Amino acid sequence: MNLKTNVAYCKGCGICVDFCPKQVLKLDDLGKITIAQEEECVRCGQCELRCPDYAIFVNQ
């Protein structure tokens, strides 16, 4: 698995979704981060870098 999320920390701001160049992430029905297309992840780290709540991590 390339990505790990901690939905308890996620406030649903959507910054990680906006910065993901491959559209790997999306917000679920509750407004929390979810991994929609993990196989498309290129491990750029933009989601982890931009998340103000440390709710998503990229495994290298």
PDB file of N, CA and C in Angstrom:
ATOM      1  N   MET A   1       0.843  -1.186   0.000  1.00  0.00           N
ATOM      2  CA  MET A   1       0.000   0.000   0.000  1.00  0.00           C
ATOM      3  C   MET A   1       0.881   1.240   0.000  1.00  0.00           C
ATOM      4  N   ASN A   2       0.609   2.165  -0.883  1.00  0.00           N
ATOM      5  CA  ASN A   2       1.383   3.390  -0.996  1.00  0.00           C
ATOM      6  C   ASN A   2       0.925   4.483  -0.059  1.00  0.00           C
ATOM      7  N   LEU A   3      -0.362   4.532   0.204  1.00  0.00           N
ATOM      8  CA  LEU A   3      -0.928   5.605   1.009  1.00  0.00           C
ATOM      9  C   LEU A   3      -1.575   5.079   2.273  1.00  0.00           C
ATOM     10  N   LYS A   4      -1.481   5.882   3.319  1.00  0.00           N
ATOM     11  CA  LYS A   4      -2.192   5.585   4.559  1.00  0.00           C
ATOM     12  C   LYS A   4      -2.921   6.845   4.975  1.00  0.00           C
ATOM     13  N   THR A   5      -4.143   6.656   5.446  1.00  0.00           N
ATOM     14  CA  THR A   5      -4.927   7.793   5.904  1.00  0.00           C
ATOM     15  C   THR A   5      -5.315   7.625   7.359  1.00  0.00           C
ATOM     16  N   ASN A   6      -5.538   8.740   8.007  1.00  0.00           N
ATOM     17  CA  ASN A   6      -6.051   8.749   9.363  1.00  0.00           C
ATOM     18  C   ASN A   6      -7.279   9.656   9.338  1.00  0.00           C
ATOM     19  N   VAL A   7      -8.430   9.058   9.083  1.00  0.00           N
ATOM     20  CA  VAL A   7      -9.656   9.839   8.930  1.00  0.00           C
ATOM     21  C   VAL A   7     -10.046  10.576  10.211  1.00  0.00           C
ATOM     22  N   ALA A   8      -9.560  10.107  11.347  1.00  0.00           N
ATOM     23  CA  ALA A   8      -9.854  10.812  12.601  1.00  0.00           C
ATOM     24  C   ALA A   8      -9.225  12.205  12.610  1.00  0.00           C
ATOM     25  N   TYR A   9      -8.131  12.383  11.889  1.00  0.00           N
ATOM     26  CA  TYR A   9      -7.461  13.679  11.811  1.00  0.00           C
ATOM     27  C   TYR A   9      -8.012  14.549  10.682  1.00  0.00           C
ATOM     28  N   CYS A  10      -8.652  13.940   9.706  1.00  0.00           N
ATOM     29  CA  CYS A  10      -9.115  14.650   8.514  1.00  0.00           C
ATOM     30  C   CYS A  10     -10.309  15.544   8.834  1.00  0.00           C
ATOM     31  N   LYS A  11     -10.207  16.826   8.441  1.00  0.00           N
ATOM     32  CA  LYS A  11     -11.335  17.744   8.629  1.00  0.00           C
ATOM     33  C   LYS A  11     -12.096  17.976   7.331  1.00  0.00           C
ATOM     34  N   GLY A  12     -11.651  17.306   6.258  1.00  0.00           N
ATOM     35  CA  GLY A  12     -12.373  17.382   4.992  1.00  0.00           C
ATOM     36  C   GLY A  12     -12.146  18.652   4.199  1.00  0.00           C
ATOM     37  N   CYS A  13     -10.989  19.256   4.333  1.00  0.00           N
ATOM     38  CA  CYS A  13     -10.723  20.505   3.620  1.00  0.00           C
ATOM     39  C   CYS A  13     -10.546  20.298   2.117  1.00  0.00           C
ATOM     40  N   GLY A  14     -10.097  19.113   1.716  1.00  0.00           N
ATOM     41  CA  GLY A  14      -9.945  18.803   0.300  1.00  0.00           C
ATOM     42  C   GLY A  14      -8.656  19.289  -0.334  1.00  0.00           C
ATOM     43  N   ILE A  15      -7.746  19.833   0.434  1.00  0.00           N
ATOM     44  CA  ILE A  15      -6.479  20.315  -0.108  1.00  0.00           C
ATOM     45  C   ILE A  15      -5.712  19.173  -0.774  1.00  0.00           C
ATOM     46  N   CYS A  16      -5.646  18.029  -0.137  1.00  0.00           N
ATOM     47  CA  CYS A  16      -4.919  16.891  -0.709  1.00  0.00           C
ATOM     48  C   CYS A  16      -5.538  16.448  -2.032  1.00  0.00           C
ATOM     49  N   VAL A  17      -6.850  16.483  -2.117  1.00  0.00           N
ATOM     50  CA  VAL A  17      -7.559  16.114  -3.347  1.00  0.00           C
ATOM     51  C   VAL A  17      -7.195  17.090  -4.457  1.00  0.00           C
ATOM     52  N   ASP A  18      -7.168  18.358  -4.139  1.00  0.00           N
ATOM     53  CA  ASP A  18      -6.870  19.395  -5.133  1.00  0.00           C
ATOM     54  C   ASP A  18      -5.437  19.318  -5.658  1.00  0.00           C
ATOM     55  N   PHE A  19      -4.496  18.948  -4.811  1.00  0.00           N
ATOM     56  CA  PHE A  19      -3.089  18.921  -5.209  1.00  0.00           C
ATOM     57  C   PHE A  19      -2.645  17.595  -5.815  1.00  0.00           C
ATOM     58  N   CYS A  20      -3.446  16.565  -5.743  1.00  0.00           N
ATOM     59  CA  CYS A  20      -3.059  15.261  -6.286  1.00  0.00           C
ATOM     60  C   CYS A  20      -3.055  15.312  -7.815  1.00  0.00           C
ATOM     61  N   PRO A  21      -1.882  15.124  -8.451  1.00  0.00           N
ATOM     62  CA  PRO A  21      -1.812  15.233  -9.904  1.00  0.00           C
ATOM     63  C   PRO A  21      -2.481  14.065 -10.641  1.00  0.00           C
ATOM     64  N   LYS A  22      -2.709  12.972  -9.965  1.00  0.00           N
ATOM     65  CA  LYS A  22      -3.283  11.778 -10.591  1.00  0.00           C
ATOM     66  C   LYS A  22      -4.715  11.502 -10.161  1.00  0.00           C
ATOM     67  N   GLN A  23      -5.302  12.391  -9.383  1.00  0.00           N
ATOM     68  CA  GLN A  23      -6.670  12.246  -8.893  1.00  0.00           C
ATOM     69  C   GLN A  23      -6.892  10.907  -8.178  1.00  0.00           C
ATOM     70  N   VAL A  24      -5.951  10.591  -7.307  1.00  0.00           N
ATOM     71  CA  VAL A  24      -5.995   9.351  -6.529  1.00  0.00           C
ATOM     72  C   VAL A  24      -6.970   9.465  -5.363  1.00  0.00           C
ATOM     73  N   LEU A  25      -7.133  10.662  -4.842  1.00  0.00           N
ATOM     74  CA  LEU A  25      -7.907  10.882  -3.625  1.00  0.00           C
ATOM     75  C   LEU A  25      -9.262  11.503  -3.907  1.00  0.00           C
ATOM     76  N   LYS A  26     -10.184  11.287  -2.980  1.00  0.00           N
ATOM     77  CA  LYS A  26     -11.478  11.962  -3.028  1.00  0.00           C
ATOM     78  C   LYS A  26     -12.026  12.045  -1.617  1.00  0.00           C
ATOM     79  N   LEU A  27     -13.033  12.872  -1.439  1.00  0.00           N
ATOM     80  CA  LEU A  27     -13.718  12.956  -0.154  1.00  0.00           C
ATOM     81  C   LEU A  27     -14.934  12.050  -0.215  1.00  0.00           C
ATOM     82  N   ASP A  28     -15.164  11.298   0.856  1.00  0.00           N
ATOM     83  CA  ASP A  28     -16.299  10.379   0.897  1.00  0.00           C
ATOM     84  C   ASP A  28     -17.585  11.121   1.258  1.00  0.00           C
ATOM     85  N   ASP A  29     -18.647  10.385   1.450  1.00  0.00           N
ATOM     86  CA  ASP A  29     -19.948  10.977   1.752  1.00  0.00           C
ATOM     87  C   ASP A  29     -19.969  11.764   3.062  1.00  0.00           C
ATOM     88  N   LEU A  30     -19.043  11.444   3.955  1.00  0.00           N
ATOM     89  CA  LEU A  30     -18.941  12.155   5.231  1.00  0.00           C
ATOM     90  C   LEU A  30     -17.953  13.316   5.165  1.00  0.00           C
ATOM     91  N   GLY A  31     -17.359  13.527   3.983  1.00  0.00           N
ATOM     92  CA  GLY A  31     -16.408  14.610   3.817  1.00  0.00           C
ATOM     93  C   GLY A  31     -15.011  14.293   4.305  1.00  0.00           C
ATOM     94  N   LYS A  32     -14.697  13.011   4.439  1.00  0.00           N
ATOM     95  CA  LYS A  32     -13.375  12.579   4.901  1.00  0.00           C
ATOM     96  C   LYS A  32     -12.584  12.004   3.731  1.00  0.00           C
ATOM     97  N   ILE A  33     -11.266  12.068   3.846  1.00  0.00           N
ATOM     98  CA  ILE A  33     -10.393  11.593   2.779  1.00  0.00           C
ATOM     99  C   ILE A  33     -10.513  10.078   2.588  1.00  0.00           C
ATOM    100  N   THR A  34     -10.509   9.682   1.330  1.00  0.00           N
ATOM    101  CA  THR A  34     -10.500   8.274   0.981  1.00  0.00           C
ATOM    102  C   THR A  34      -9.633   8.089  -0.256  1.00  0.00           C
ATOM    103  N   ILE A  35      -9.067   6.919  -0.394  1.00  0.00           N
ATOM    104  CA  ILE A  35      -8.204   6.609  -1.531  1.00  0.00           C
ATOM    105  C   ILE A  35      -9.065   5.969  -2.605  1.00  0.00           C
ATOM    106  N   ALA A  36      -9.235   6.660  -3.713  1.00  0.00           N
ATOM    107  CA  ALA A  36     -10.133   6.208  -4.771  1.00  0.00           C
ATOM    108  C   ALA A  36      -9.425   5.334  -5.799  1.00  0.00           C
ATOM    109  N   GLN A  37      -8.183   5.682  -6.155  1.00  0.00           N
ATOM    110  CA  GLN A  37      -7.461   4.969  -7.207  1.00  0.00           C
ATOM    111  C   GLN A  37      -5.998   4.799  -6.809  1.00  0.00           C
ATOM    112  N   GLU A  38      -5.731   3.998  -5.810  1.00  0.00           N
ATOM    113  CA  GLU A  38      -4.373   3.867  -5.293  1.00  0.00           C
ATOM    114  C   GLU A  38      -3.379   3.401  -6.346  1.00  0.00           C
ATOM    115  N   GLU A  39      -3.818   2.591  -7.285  1.00  0.00           N
ATOM    116  CA  GLU A  39      -2.916   2.076  -8.313  1.00  0.00           C
ATOM    117  C   GLU A  39      -2.361   3.190  -9.211  1.00  0.00           C
ATOM    118  N   GLU A  40      -2.991   4.355  -9.199  1.00  0.00           N
ATOM    119  CA  GLU A  40      -2.535   5.498  -9.997  1.00  0.00           C
ATOM    120  C   GLU A  40      -1.524   6.379  -9.249  1.00  0.00           C
ATOM    121  N   CYS A  41      -1.335   6.135  -7.967  1.00  0.00           N
ATOM    122  CA  CYS A  41      -0.447   6.962  -7.154  1.00  0.00           C
ATOM    123  C   CYS A  41       0.998   6.869  -7.636  1.00  0.00           C
ATOM    124  N   VAL A  42       1.647   8.035  -7.809  1.00  0.00           N
ATOM    125  CA  VAL A  42       3.042   8.095  -8.234  1.00  0.00           C
ATOM    126  C   VAL A  42       3.967   8.481  -7.071  1.00  0.00           C
ATOM    127  N   ARG A  43       3.427   8.520  -5.868  1.00  0.00           N
ATOM    128  CA  ARG A  43       4.180   8.820  -4.645  1.00  0.00           C
ATOM    129  C   ARG A  43       4.883  10.175  -4.701  1.00  0.00           C
ATOM    130  N   CYS A  44       4.227  11.160  -5.261  1.00  0.00           N
ATOM    131  CA  CYS A  44       4.829  12.493  -5.352  1.00  0.00           C
ATOM    132  C   CYS A  44       4.900  13.175  -3.983  1.00  0.00           C
ATOM    133  N   GLY A  45       4.000  12.795  -3.076  1.00  0.00           N
ATOM    134  CA  GLY A  45       4.014  13.346  -1.727  1.00  0.00           C
ATOM    135  C   GLY A  45       3.277  14.659  -1.556  1.00  0.00           C
ATOM    136  N   GLN A  46       2.626  15.153  -2.593  1.00  0.00           N
ATOM    137  CA  GLN A  46       1.931  16.435  -2.485  1.00  0.00           C
ATOM    138  C   GLN A  46       0.803  16.380  -1.453  1.00  0.00           C
ATOM    139  N   CYS A  47       0.121  15.269  -1.373  1.00  0.00           N
ATOM    140  CA  CYS A  47      -0.969  15.145  -0.399  1.00  0.00           C
ATOM    141  C   CYS A  47      -0.438  15.254   1.030  1.00  0.00           C
ATOM    142  N   GLU A  48       0.629  14.523   1.297  1.00  0.00           N
ATOM    143  CA  GLU A  48       1.227  14.543   2.636  1.00  0.00           C
ATOM    144  C   GLU A  48       1.801  15.925   2.954  1.00  0.00           C
ATOM    145  N   LEU A  49       2.460  16.530   2.001  1.00  0.00           N
ATOM    146  CA  LEU A  49       3.073  17.838   2.185  1.00  0.00           C
ATOM    147  C   LEU A  49       2.036  18.922   2.451  1.00  0.00           C
ATOM    148  N   ARG A  50       0.915  18.868   1.770  1.00  0.00           N
ATOM    149  CA  ARG A  50      -0.094  19.932   1.842  1.00  0.00           C
ATOM    150  C   ARG A  50      -1.129  19.746   2.948  1.00  0.00           C
ATOM    151  N   CYS A  51      -1.291  18.531   3.470  1.00  0.00           N
ATOM    152  CA  CYS A  51      -2.318  18.277   4.477  1.00  0.00           C
ATOM    153  C   CYS A  51      -1.997  19.013   5.775  1.00  0.00           C
ATOM    154  N   PRO A  52      -2.864  19.939   6.193  1.00  0.00           N
ATOM    155  CA  PRO A  52      -2.607  20.692   7.410  1.00  0.00           C
ATOM    156  C   PRO A  52      -2.877  19.880   8.690  1.00  0.00           C
ATOM    157  N   ASP A  53      -3.500  18.722   8.539  1.00  0.00           N
ATOM    158  CA  ASP A  53      -3.880  17.933   9.708  1.00  0.00           C
ATOM    159  C   ASP A  53      -3.135  16.605   9.849  1.00  0.00           C
ATOM    160  N   TYR A  54      -2.138  16.367   8.984  1.00  0.00           N
ATOM    161  CA  TYR A  54      -1.357  15.128   9.023  1.00  0.00           C
ATOM    162  C   TYR A  54      -2.250  13.895   8.928  1.00  0.00           C
ATOM    163  N   ALA A  55      -3.226  13.969   8.039  1.00  0.00           N
ATOM    164  CA  ALA A  55      -4.211  12.884   7.901  1.00  0.00           C
ATOM    165  C   ALA A  55      -3.865  11.895   6.801  1.00  0.00           C
ATOM    166  N   ILE A  56      -2.818  12.149   6.033  1.00  0.00           N
ATOM    167  CA  ILE A  56      -2.437  11.240   4.964  1.00  0.00           C
ATOM    168  C   ILE A  56      -0.930  11.130   4.875  1.00  0.00           C
ATOM    169  N   PHE A  57      -0.454   9.915   4.607  1.00  0.00           N
ATOM    170  CA  PHE A  57       0.982   9.643   4.553  1.00  0.00           C
ATOM    171  C   PHE A  57       1.294   8.796   3.335  1.00  0.00           C
ATOM    172  N   VAL A  58       2.441   9.073   2.719  1.00  0.00           N
ATOM    173  CA  VAL A  58       2.908   8.309   1.565  1.00  0.00           C
ATOM    174  C   VAL A  58       4.010   7.386   2.033  1.00  0.00           C
ATOM    175  N   ASN A  59       3.847   6.096   1.801  1.00  0.00           N
ATOM    176  CA  ASN A  59       4.894   5.122   2.109  1.00  0.00           C
ATOM    177  C   ASN A  59       5.885   5.090   0.958  1.00  0.00           C
ATOM    178  N   GLN A  60       7.139   5.246   1.250  1.00  0.00           N
ATOM    179  CA  GLN A  60       8.178   5.218   0.208  1.00  0.00           C
ATOM    180  C   GLN A  60       8.758   3.841   0.050  1.00  0.00           C
TER     181      GLN A  60
END
